[in-house]
Amino acid sequence: MGSSHQKFQSVELIYSPKYWLGTGLITERSPDSWESTSIQIGYLAKRWNLPAAQGNFYILAGPGYGTRFNQDDTKVTDLLYRVGLQGDYETRRIYTFAKYTEQRFFNTNGLINNRLELRAGYAPYLAKFTELNSWVILKTVFTNEFKDVNYTPTVRLFYKNFLVDIGLDLDGEAQLNFMVRH
């Protein structure tokens, strides 16, 4: 999966040997602020399979290496740890998602970055899995210790194993997210 925005870019290569376990490599950066590469292990702690809905709760963790760029033009580079929680609930019409992650340096416990992402969406029509599915989503992202907020109205297109989100935030910056499931 990849995500690109002027203030944040990420690439996630995740492999799931079991439905409840995801392992992989994540590289993220916020230009002029921080960058990191980490290994992530995602564990599905709880899944709710309901007659017309599904919900999931994940625990995320892993080690890595990162750099934080300070305002005085110095930088701090060291080993890091990444922790997070992720949850979602969806029906064929309603989509909700929440994910919190933070990365800290091992030696000092100093915060490299934290990120809270919330999404709420609606499918304007119902389609089969073999047809094009569409969602209208409002994505809200809190960063910089919750000081910065970004709102991005997004259109999601999902067809079989391919997903793409295209959005334009309220500052006029484009965002693209894509995912391919194998």
N, C-alpha and C. Protein backbone atom coordinates (compact mmCIF):
# COMPACT_ATOMS: atom_id res chain seq x y z
N MET A 1 0.85 -1.17 0.00
CA MET A 1 0.00 0.00 0.00
C MET A 1 0.89 1.22 0.00
N GLY A 2 0.49 2.23 -0.70
CA GLY A 2 1.24 3.48 -0.71
C GLY A 2 0.30 4.65 -0.51
N SER A 3 0.83 5.71 0.09
CA SER A 3 0.06 6.92 0.31
C SER A 3 0.96 8.11 0.05
N SER A 4 0.43 9.10 -0.66
CA SER A 4 1.23 10.27 -0.97
C SER A 4 0.41 11.54 -0.77
N HIS A 5 0.98 12.47 -0.04
CA HIS A 5 0.41 13.78 0.23
C HIS A 5 1.60 14.70 0.40
N GLN A 6 1.45 15.97 0.18
CA GLN A 6 2.57 16.89 0.30
C GLN A 6 3.22 16.83 1.68
N LYS A 7 2.44 16.59 2.74
CA LYS A 7 2.95 16.60 4.10
C LYS A 7 3.30 15.21 4.64
N PHE A 8 2.98 14.15 3.90
CA PHE A 8 3.20 12.80 4.43
C PHE A 8 3.22 11.80 3.28
N GLN A 9 4.25 10.96 3.26
CA GLN A 9 4.32 9.86 2.30
C GLN A 9 4.63 8.57 3.05
N SER A 10 4.06 7.47 2.57
CA SER A 10 4.34 6.17 3.18
C SER A 10 4.23 5.06 2.14
N VAL A 11 5.00 4.01 2.40
CA VAL A 11 4.90 2.77 1.64
C VAL A 11 4.87 1.65 2.67
N GLU A 12 3.87 0.78 2.55
CA GLU A 12 3.74 -0.36 3.46
C GLU A 12 3.70 -1.64 2.63
N LEU A 13 4.64 -2.52 2.91
CA LEU A 13 4.66 -3.85 2.29
C LEU A 13 4.34 -4.85 3.38
N ILE A 14 3.12 -5.32 3.39
CA ILE A 14 2.63 -6.19 4.47
C ILE A 14 2.28 -7.56 3.89
N TYR A 15 2.73 -8.59 4.57
CA TYR A 15 2.40 -9.97 4.20
C TYR A 15 1.64 -10.60 5.37
N SER A 16 0.54 -11.26 5.07
CA SER A 16 -0.27 -11.92 6.10
C SER A 16 -0.25 -13.42 5.90
N PRO A 17 0.63 -14.13 6.62
CA PRO A 17 0.65 -15.60 6.50
C PRO A 17 -0.61 -16.24 7.08
N LYS A 18 -1.25 -15.56 8.02
CA LYS A 18 -2.51 -15.99 8.63
C LYS A 18 -3.42 -14.76 8.66
N TYR A 19 -4.73 -14.97 8.67
CA TYR A 19 -5.66 -13.84 8.64
C TYR A 19 -5.47 -12.92 9.85
N TRP A 20 -4.95 -13.42 10.95
CA TRP A 20 -4.82 -12.66 12.19
C TRP A 20 -3.44 -12.04 12.38
N LEU A 21 -2.53 -12.26 11.42
CA LEU A 21 -1.16 -11.77 11.57
C LEU A 21 -0.70 -11.09 10.29
N GLY A 22 -0.16 -9.89 10.44
CA GLY A 22 0.42 -9.17 9.31
C GLY A 22 1.82 -8.72 9.69
N THR A 23 2.79 -9.00 8.85
CA THR A 23 4.16 -8.58 9.10
C THR A 23 4.67 -7.84 7.88
N GLY A 24 5.56 -6.91 8.11
CA GLY A 24 6.07 -6.21 6.94
C GLY A 24 6.97 -5.05 7.26
N LEU A 25 7.25 -4.30 6.21
CA LEU A 25 8.16 -3.17 6.26
C LEU A 25 7.37 -1.90 5.95
N ILE A 26 7.61 -0.86 6.75
CA ILE A 26 6.93 0.42 6.56
C ILE A 26 7.98 1.51 6.49
N THR A 27 7.91 2.34 5.47
CA THR A 27 8.76 3.52 5.40
C THR A 27 7.83 4.73 5.28
N GLU A 28 8.11 5.73 6.11
CA GLU A 28 7.27 6.92 6.17
C GLU A 28 8.15 8.16 6.25
N ARG A 29 7.59 9.27 5.80
CA ARG A 29 8.33 10.53 5.94
C ARG A 29 7.37 11.70 5.89
N SER A 30 7.77 12.72 6.62
CA SER A 30 7.13 14.01 6.56
C SER A 30 8.25 14.98 6.23
N PRO A 31 8.29 15.52 5.02
CA PRO A 31 9.43 16.34 4.58
C PRO A 31 9.81 17.42 5.59
N ASP A 32 11.10 17.56 5.82
CA ASP A 32 11.67 18.56 6.73
C ASP A 32 11.29 18.35 8.18
N SER A 33 10.69 17.20 8.54
CA SER A 33 10.27 16.97 9.91
C SER A 33 10.83 15.65 10.47
N TRP A 34 10.56 14.54 9.77
CA TRP A 34 11.04 13.23 10.23
C TRP A 34 10.94 12.22 9.10
N GLU A 35 11.63 11.10 9.27
CA GLU A 35 11.51 9.96 8.36
C GLU A 35 11.87 8.71 9.14
N SER A 36 11.30 7.58 8.72
CA SER A 36 11.55 6.33 9.44
C SER A 36 11.34 5.13 8.53
N THR A 37 11.99 4.05 8.91
CA THR A 37 11.77 2.75 8.30
C THR A 37 11.65 1.77 9.45
N SER A 38 10.60 0.98 9.45
CA SER A 38 10.39 0.06 10.57
C SER A 38 9.76 -1.24 10.09
N ILE A 39 9.97 -2.23 10.92
CA ILE A 39 9.29 -3.51 10.75
C ILE A 39 8.02 -3.42 11.58
N GLN A 40 6.94 -3.92 11.05
CA GLN A 40 5.69 -3.90 11.82
C GLN A 40 5.10 -5.29 11.91
N ILE A 41 4.63 -5.60 13.08
CA ILE A 41 3.84 -6.81 13.30
C ILE A 41 2.45 -6.33 13.70
N GLY A 42 1.46 -6.78 12.96
CA GLY A 42 0.07 -6.44 13.26
C GLY A 42 -0.67 -7.69 13.68
N TYR A 43 -1.32 -7.62 14.82
CA TYR A 43 -2.03 -8.76 15.38
C TYR A 43 -3.52 -8.42 15.47
N LEU A 44 -4.35 -9.23 14.84
CA LEU A 44 -5.79 -9.07 14.92
C LEU A 44 -6.25 -9.58 16.29
N ALA A 45 -6.51 -8.66 17.22
CA ALA A 45 -6.88 -9.04 18.58
C ALA A 45 -8.34 -9.47 18.68
N LYS A 46 -9.20 -8.89 17.83
CA LYS A 46 -10.62 -9.23 17.88
C LYS A 46 -11.26 -8.95 16.54
N ARG A 47 -12.11 -9.86 16.10
CA ARG A 47 -12.91 -9.67 14.89
C ARG A 47 -14.35 -9.98 15.23
N TRP A 48 -15.24 -9.12 14.75
CA TRP A 48 -16.66 -9.34 14.90
C TRP A 48 -17.25 -9.59 13.52
N ASN A 49 -17.75 -10.79 13.28
CA ASN A 49 -18.45 -11.12 12.04
C ASN A 49 -19.93 -11.15 12.36
N LEU A 50 -20.63 -10.13 11.93
CA LEU A 50 -22.06 -10.02 12.18
C LEU A 50 -22.82 -10.31 10.89
N PRO A 51 -24.11 -10.55 10.95
CA PRO A 51 -24.85 -10.88 9.73
C PRO A 51 -24.69 -9.86 8.60
N ALA A 52 -24.63 -8.57 8.93
CA ALA A 52 -24.55 -7.55 7.87
C ALA A 52 -23.40 -6.57 8.11
N ALA A 53 -22.42 -6.96 8.95
CA ALA A 53 -21.32 -6.04 9.26
C ALA A 53 -20.10 -6.83 9.73
N GLN A 54 -18.99 -6.12 9.77
CA GLN A 54 -17.76 -6.71 10.29
C GLN A 54 -16.96 -5.63 11.00
N GLY A 55 -16.30 -6.01 12.06
CA GLY A 55 -15.43 -5.10 12.78
C GLY A 55 -14.12 -5.79 13.12
N ASN A 56 -13.05 -5.02 13.23
CA ASN A 56 -11.73 -5.56 13.54
C ASN A 56 -11.01 -4.63 14.50
N PHE A 57 -10.18 -5.22 15.36
CA PHE A 57 -9.32 -4.44 16.26
C PHE A 57 -7.91 -5.04 16.20
N TYR A 58 -6.92 -4.22 15.85
CA TYR A 58 -5.54 -4.66 15.67
C TYR A 58 -4.61 -3.98 16.68
N ILE A 59 -3.57 -4.70 17.06
CA ILE A 59 -2.46 -4.15 17.84
C ILE A 59 -1.24 -4.16 16.92
N LEU A 60 -0.53 -3.04 16.86
CA LEU A 60 0.60 -2.87 15.95
C LEU A 60 1.86 -2.55 16.74
N ALA A 61 2.99 -3.15 16.37
CA ALA A 61 4.25 -2.86 17.06
C ALA A 61 5.42 -3.29 16.19
N GLY A 62 6.58 -2.69 16.45
CA GLY A 62 7.78 -3.13 15.76
C GLY A 62 8.94 -2.17 15.94
N PRO A 63 10.15 -2.65 15.67
CA PRO A 63 11.36 -1.83 15.77
C PRO A 63 11.69 -1.17 14.43
N GLY A 64 12.56 -0.17 14.47
CA GLY A 64 12.98 0.48 13.25
C GLY A 64 14.12 1.45 13.47
N TYR A 65 14.28 2.33 12.50
CA TYR A 65 15.35 3.32 12.51
C TYR A 65 14.76 4.61 11.98
N GLY A 66 15.06 5.73 12.65
CA GLY A 66 14.43 6.97 12.21
C GLY A 66 15.27 8.20 12.44
N THR A 67 14.85 9.28 11.83
CA THR A 67 15.51 10.58 11.94
C THR A 67 14.45 11.64 12.18
N ARG A 68 14.74 12.53 13.11
CA ARG A 68 13.90 13.70 13.36
C ARG A 68 14.74 14.93 13.04
N PHE A 69 14.19 15.81 12.23
CA PHE A 69 14.88 17.05 11.85
C PHE A 69 14.39 18.17 12.77
N ASN A 70 15.30 18.78 13.51
CA ASN A 70 14.94 19.84 14.45
C ASN A 70 14.92 21.20 13.76
N GLN A 71 14.27 22.16 14.40
CA GLN A 71 14.14 23.50 13.82
C GLN A 71 15.47 24.24 13.74
N ASP A 72 16.45 23.83 14.56
CA ASP A 72 17.76 24.49 14.53
C ASP A 72 18.70 23.84 13.51
N ASP A 73 18.13 23.12 12.54
CA ASP A 73 18.88 22.45 11.47
C ASP A 73 19.75 21.29 11.96
N THR A 74 19.52 20.80 13.17
CA THR A 74 20.19 19.59 13.63
C THR A 74 19.24 18.43 13.39
N LYS A 75 19.78 17.23 13.44
CA LYS A 75 18.92 16.06 13.29
C LYS A 75 19.35 15.00 14.31
N VAL A 76 18.38 14.20 14.70
CA VAL A 76 18.59 13.10 15.63
C VAL A 76 18.24 11.82 14.88
N THR A 77 19.19 10.88 14.86
CA THR A 77 18.98 9.60 14.18
C THR A 77 19.29 8.48 15.17
N ASP A 78 18.39 7.50 15.27
CA ASP A 78 18.60 6.42 16.23
C ASP A 78 17.61 5.28 15.95
N LEU A 79 17.77 4.20 16.71
CA LEU A 79 16.80 3.12 16.67
C LEU A 79 15.49 3.60 17.27
N LEU A 80 14.39 3.05 16.80
CA LEU A 80 13.08 3.47 17.28
C LEU A 80 12.19 2.26 17.54
N TYR A 81 11.11 2.52 18.23
CA TYR A 81 10.03 1.53 18.30
C TYR A 81 8.74 2.20 17.87
N ARG A 82 7.90 1.38 17.25
CA ARG A 82 6.63 1.85 16.69
C ARG A 82 5.52 1.06 17.38
N VAL A 83 4.50 1.76 17.88
CA VAL A 83 3.35 1.11 18.49
C VAL A 83 2.08 1.73 17.94
N GLY A 84 1.00 0.97 17.96
CA GLY A 84 -0.25 1.53 17.47
C GLY A 84 -1.44 0.62 17.71
N LEU A 85 -2.60 1.19 17.50
CA LEU A 85 -3.88 0.49 17.57
C LEU A 85 -4.69 0.87 16.34
N GLN A 86 -5.44 -0.08 15.83
CA GLN A 86 -6.27 0.18 14.65
C GLN A 86 -7.59 -0.55 14.80
N GLY A 87 -8.67 0.12 14.43
CA GLY A 87 -9.98 -0.51 14.47
C GLY A 87 -10.83 -0.06 13.29
N ASP A 88 -11.73 -0.93 12.87
CA ASP A 88 -12.67 -0.57 11.82
C ASP A 88 -13.99 -1.28 12.03
N TYR A 89 -15.02 -0.70 11.47
CA TYR A 89 -16.35 -1.29 11.48
C TYR A 89 -17.01 -0.89 10.17
N GLU A 90 -17.58 -1.86 9.49
CA GLU A 90 -18.21 -1.52 8.22
C GLU A 90 -19.37 -2.44 7.90
N THR A 91 -20.33 -1.83 7.20
CA THR A 91 -21.42 -2.58 6.57
C THR A 91 -21.21 -2.38 5.07
N ARG A 92 -22.15 -2.78 4.28
CA ARG A 92 -22.00 -2.53 2.84
C ARG A 92 -22.25 -1.06 2.50
N ARG A 93 -22.82 -0.30 3.43
CA ARG A 93 -23.11 1.12 3.21
C ARG A 93 -22.23 2.07 4.05
N ILE A 94 -21.87 1.66 5.26
CA ILE A 94 -21.17 2.53 6.21
C ILE A 94 -19.76 2.01 6.45
N TYR A 95 -18.80 2.92 6.50
CA TYR A 95 -17.39 2.57 6.73
C TYR A 95 -16.82 3.50 7.80
N THR A 96 -16.22 2.92 8.82
CA THR A 96 -15.53 3.71 9.84
C THR A 96 -14.16 3.08 10.09
N PHE A 97 -13.20 3.93 10.45
CA PHE A 97 -11.82 3.47 10.62
C PHE A 97 -11.13 4.43 11.59
N ALA A 98 -10.32 3.88 12.48
CA ALA A 98 -9.49 4.69 13.38
C ALA A 98 -8.15 4.00 13.54
N LYS A 99 -7.07 4.79 13.48
CA LYS A 99 -5.73 4.23 13.65
C LYS A 99 -4.85 5.25 14.35
N TYR A 100 -4.21 4.82 15.43
CA TYR A 100 -3.24 5.67 16.13
C TYR A 100 -1.89 4.98 16.10
N THR A 101 -0.87 5.69 15.67
CA THR A 101 0.50 5.17 15.73
C THR A 101 1.41 6.25 16.28
N GLU A 102 2.45 5.78 16.95
CA GLU A 102 3.51 6.69 17.35
C GLU A 102 4.84 5.97 17.26
N GLN A 103 5.87 6.76 17.02
CA GLN A 103 7.23 6.25 16.94
C GLN A 103 8.09 7.04 17.91
N ARG A 104 8.89 6.31 18.69
CA ARG A 104 9.76 6.93 19.69
C ARG A 104 11.15 6.34 19.58
N PHE A 105 12.15 7.16 19.92
CA PHE A 105 13.52 6.67 19.95
C PHE A 105 13.70 5.72 21.13
N PHE A 106 14.41 4.60 20.91
CA PHE A 106 14.65 3.63 21.97
C PHE A 106 15.41 4.24 23.15
N ASN A 107 16.51 4.92 22.88
CA ASN A 107 17.41 5.36 23.95
C ASN A 107 16.85 6.49 24.79
N THR A 108 16.11 7.41 24.20
CA THR A 108 15.64 8.57 24.95
C THR A 108 14.13 8.57 25.16
N ASN A 109 13.42 7.69 24.48
CA ASN A 109 11.96 7.66 24.48
C ASN A 109 11.37 8.94 23.87
N GLY A 110 12.23 9.71 23.18
CA GLY A 110 11.78 10.95 22.55
C GLY A 110 10.85 10.66 21.38
N LEU A 111 9.79 11.43 21.28
CA LEU A 111 8.79 11.25 20.24
C LEU A 111 9.33 11.68 18.88
N ILE A 112 9.25 10.79 17.90
CA ILE A 112 9.58 11.14 16.52
C ILE A 112 8.32 11.70 15.86
N ASN A 113 7.25 10.94 15.96
CA ASN A 113 5.97 11.41 15.43
C ASN A 113 4.83 10.61 16.02
N ASN A 114 3.65 11.18 15.97
CA ASN A 114 2.44 10.44 16.27
C ASN A 114 1.38 10.86 15.26
N ARG A 115 0.42 9.97 15.07
CA ARG A 115 -0.57 10.19 14.01
C ARG A 115 -1.87 9.49 14.40
N LEU A 116 -2.95 10.24 14.40
CA LEU A 116 -4.28 9.68 14.60
C LEU A 116 -5.07 9.94 13.33
N GLU A 117 -5.53 8.85 12.72
CA GLU A 117 -6.30 8.96 11.48
C GLU A 117 -7.70 8.42 11.72
N LEU A 118 -8.70 9.22 11.40
CA LEU A 118 -10.10 8.83 11.52
C LEU A 118 -10.74 8.94 10.15
N ARG A 119 -11.57 7.96 9.81
CA ARG A 119 -12.29 8.00 8.54
C ARG A 119 -13.74 7.59 8.77
N ALA A 120 -14.62 8.25 8.06
CA ALA A 120 -16.04 7.87 8.05
C ALA A 120 -16.50 7.96 6.61
N GLY A 121 -17.20 6.90 6.14
CA GLY A 121 -17.60 6.88 4.75
C GLY A 121 -18.97 6.29 4.52
N TYR A 122 -19.45 6.53 3.30
CA TYR A 122 -20.76 6.07 2.90
C TYR A 122 -20.70 5.59 1.45
N ALA A 123 -21.32 4.44 1.18
CA ALA A 123 -21.41 3.92 -0.19
C ALA A 123 -22.73 4.40 -0.80
N PRO A 124 -22.68 5.19 -1.86
CA PRO A 124 -23.91 5.73 -2.45
C PRO A 124 -24.75 4.68 -3.18
N TYR A 125 -24.17 3.53 -3.48
CA TYR A 125 -24.91 2.44 -4.11
C TYR A 125 -24.29 1.12 -3.65
N LEU A 126 -25.05 0.05 -3.75
CA LEU A 126 -24.55 -1.27 -3.39
C LEU A 126 -24.14 -2.02 -4.65
N ALA A 127 -22.99 -2.63 -4.61
CA ALA A 127 -22.50 -3.41 -5.75
C ALA A 127 -21.95 -4.74 -5.24
N LYS A 128 -21.88 -5.69 -6.14
CA LYS A 128 -21.29 -6.99 -5.80
C LYS A 128 -19.77 -6.86 -5.75
N PHE A 129 -19.11 -7.85 -5.14
CA PHE A 129 -17.65 -7.83 -5.04
C PHE A 129 -17.01 -7.80 -6.43
N THR A 130 -17.64 -8.42 -7.40
CA THR A 130 -17.09 -8.48 -8.76
C THR A 130 -17.37 -7.22 -9.56
N GLU A 131 -18.05 -6.24 -8.96
CA GLU A 131 -18.36 -4.98 -9.62
C GLU A 131 -17.59 -3.84 -8.94
N LEU A 132 -17.58 -2.69 -9.56
CA LEU A 132 -16.91 -1.53 -8.99
C LEU A 132 -17.72 -1.01 -7.80
N ASN A 133 -17.07 -0.93 -6.65
CA ASN A 133 -17.67 -0.37 -5.44
C ASN A 133 -17.09 1.02 -5.22
N SER A 134 -17.92 1.94 -4.77
CA SER A 134 -17.48 3.32 -4.53
C SER A 134 -17.89 3.76 -3.14
N TRP A 135 -17.05 4.59 -2.54
CA TRP A 135 -17.32 5.17 -1.22
C TRP A 135 -16.98 6.65 -1.26
N VAL A 136 -17.70 7.44 -0.50
CA VAL A 136 -17.36 8.83 -0.25
C VAL A 136 -16.93 8.87 1.22
N ILE A 137 -15.69 9.33 1.46
CA ILE A 137 -15.09 9.25 2.80
C ILE A 137 -14.55 10.61 3.21
N LEU A 138 -14.73 10.94 4.48
CA LEU A 138 -14.06 12.09 5.06
C LEU A 138 -12.94 11.54 5.94
N LYS A 139 -11.72 11.91 5.61
CA LYS A 139 -10.53 11.47 6.35
C LYS A 139 -10.03 12.66 7.16
N THR A 140 -9.82 12.44 8.45
CA THR A 140 -9.29 13.47 9.35
C THR A 140 -8.03 12.92 9.99
N VAL A 141 -6.93 13.68 9.89
CA VAL A 141 -5.64 13.24 10.42
C VAL A 141 -5.10 14.29 11.39
N PHE A 142 -4.76 13.82 12.60
CA PHE A 142 -4.15 14.66 13.63
C PHE A 142 -2.67 14.25 13.73
N THR A 143 -1.76 15.24 13.65
CA THR A 143 -0.33 14.97 13.77
C THR A 143 0.31 16.01 14.69
N ASN A 144 1.63 15.87 14.86
CA ASN A 144 2.40 16.84 15.64
C ASN A 144 1.81 17.00 17.04
N GLU A 145 1.64 15.85 17.72
CA GLU A 145 1.06 15.82 19.06
C GLU A 145 -0.32 16.47 19.09
N PHE A 146 -1.12 16.21 18.05
CA PHE A 146 -2.50 16.65 17.88
C PHE A 146 -2.64 18.15 17.63
N LYS A 147 -1.54 18.83 17.33
CA LYS A 147 -1.58 20.27 17.06
C LYS A 147 -2.02 20.56 15.62
N ASP A 148 -1.71 19.66 14.70
CA ASP A 148 -2.05 19.86 13.29
C ASP A 148 -3.20 18.92 12.91
N VAL A 149 -4.18 19.47 12.20
CA VAL A 149 -5.33 18.68 11.74
C VAL A 149 -5.48 18.88 10.24
N ASN A 150 -5.74 17.79 9.53
CA ASN A 150 -5.92 17.83 8.09
C ASN A 150 -7.20 17.09 7.74
N TYR A 151 -8.08 17.74 6.98
CA TYR A 151 -9.34 17.13 6.54
C TYR A 151 -9.24 16.87 5.04
N THR A 152 -9.57 15.64 4.64
CA THR A 152 -9.48 15.28 3.23
C THR A 152 -10.74 14.54 2.78
N PRO A 153 -11.66 15.21 2.08
CA PRO A 153 -12.75 14.49 1.43
C PRO A 153 -12.16 13.57 0.35
N THR A 154 -12.60 12.33 0.34
CA THR A 154 -11.97 11.30 -0.48
C THR A 154 -13.01 10.45 -1.19
N VAL A 155 -12.68 10.02 -2.38
CA VAL A 155 -13.48 9.02 -3.10
C VAL A 155 -12.66 7.74 -3.13
N ARG A 156 -13.28 6.65 -2.69
CA ARG A 156 -12.63 5.34 -2.72
C ARG A 156 -13.29 4.49 -3.79
N LEU A 157 -12.45 3.88 -4.63
CA LEU A 157 -12.91 2.95 -5.65
C LEU A 157 -12.28 1.59 -5.34
N PHE A 158 -13.13 0.57 -5.28
CA PHE A 158 -12.67 -0.76 -4.91
C PHE A 158 -13.20 -1.75 -5.94
N TYR A 159 -12.29 -2.50 -6.55
CA TYR A 159 -12.69 -3.50 -7.54
C TYR A 159 -11.87 -4.76 -7.30
N LYS A 160 -12.53 -5.84 -6.90
CA LYS A 160 -11.89 -7.12 -6.59
C LYS A 160 -10.76 -6.90 -5.60
N ASN A 161 -9.51 -7.00 -6.01
CA ASN A 161 -8.37 -6.88 -5.10
C ASN A 161 -7.67 -5.53 -5.17
N PHE A 162 -8.25 -4.58 -5.87
CA PHE A 162 -7.61 -3.28 -6.07
C PHE A 162 -8.43 -2.18 -5.39
N LEU A 163 -7.73 -1.30 -4.70
CA LEU A 163 -8.37 -0.19 -4.01
C LEU A 163 -7.57 1.07 -4.30
N VAL A 164 -8.27 2.17 -4.56
CA VAL A 164 -7.61 3.47 -4.72
C VAL A 164 -8.46 4.52 -4.04
N ASP A 165 -7.80 5.39 -3.27
CA ASP A 165 -8.44 6.56 -2.66
C ASP A 165 -7.85 7.79 -3.33
N ILE A 166 -8.72 8.68 -3.75
CA ILE A 166 -8.28 9.94 -4.35
C ILE A 166 -8.99 11.06 -3.58
N GLY A 167 -8.18 12.00 -3.06
CA GLY A 167 -8.77 13.06 -2.28
C GLY A 167 -8.08 14.39 -2.49
N LEU A 168 -8.74 15.42 -2.04
CA LEU A 168 -8.20 16.78 -2.09
C LEU A 168 -8.50 17.41 -0.74
N ASP A 169 -7.43 17.73 0.02
CA ASP A 169 -7.68 18.28 1.35
C ASP A 169 -8.14 19.73 1.28
N LEU A 170 -8.49 20.30 2.42
CA LEU A 170 -9.05 21.64 2.44
C LEU A 170 -8.03 22.72 2.11
N ASP A 171 -6.73 22.35 2.08
CA ASP A 171 -5.68 23.28 1.65
C ASP A 171 -5.41 23.17 0.16
N GLY A 172 -6.16 22.29 -0.54
CA GLY A 172 -5.99 22.12 -1.98
C GLY A 172 -4.91 21.13 -2.37
N GLU A 173 -4.38 20.37 -1.38
CA GLU A 173 -3.34 19.39 -1.67
C GLU A 173 -3.97 18.05 -2.03
N ALA A 174 -3.50 17.45 -3.12
CA ALA A 174 -4.03 16.17 -3.56
C ALA A 174 -3.44 15.03 -2.73
N GLN A 175 -4.23 13.98 -2.60
CA GLN A 175 -3.78 12.78 -1.90
C GLN A 175 -4.16 11.57 -2.71
N LEU A 176 -3.25 10.60 -2.74
CA LEU A 176 -3.49 9.35 -3.44
C LEU A 176 -3.09 8.20 -2.52
N ASN A 177 -3.95 7.21 -2.41
CA ASN A 177 -3.66 6.02 -1.64
C ASN A 177 -4.08 4.83 -2.50
N PHE A 178 -3.27 3.80 -2.54
CA PHE A 178 -3.63 2.62 -3.32
C PHE A 178 -3.26 1.36 -2.55
N MET A 179 -3.95 0.30 -2.84
CA MET A 179 -3.67 -0.98 -2.19
C MET A 179 -4.00 -2.09 -3.18
N VAL A 180 -3.15 -3.09 -3.20
CA VAL A 180 -3.36 -4.28 -3.99
C VAL A 180 -3.25 -5.47 -3.05
N ARG A 181 -4.29 -6.29 -3.02
CA ARG A 181 -4.28 -7.50 -2.18
C ARG A 181 -4.02 -8.69 -3.08
N HIS A 182 -3.13 -9.54 -2.63
CA HIS A 182 -2.79 -10.72 -3.41
C HIS A 182 -3.32 -11.96 -2.74
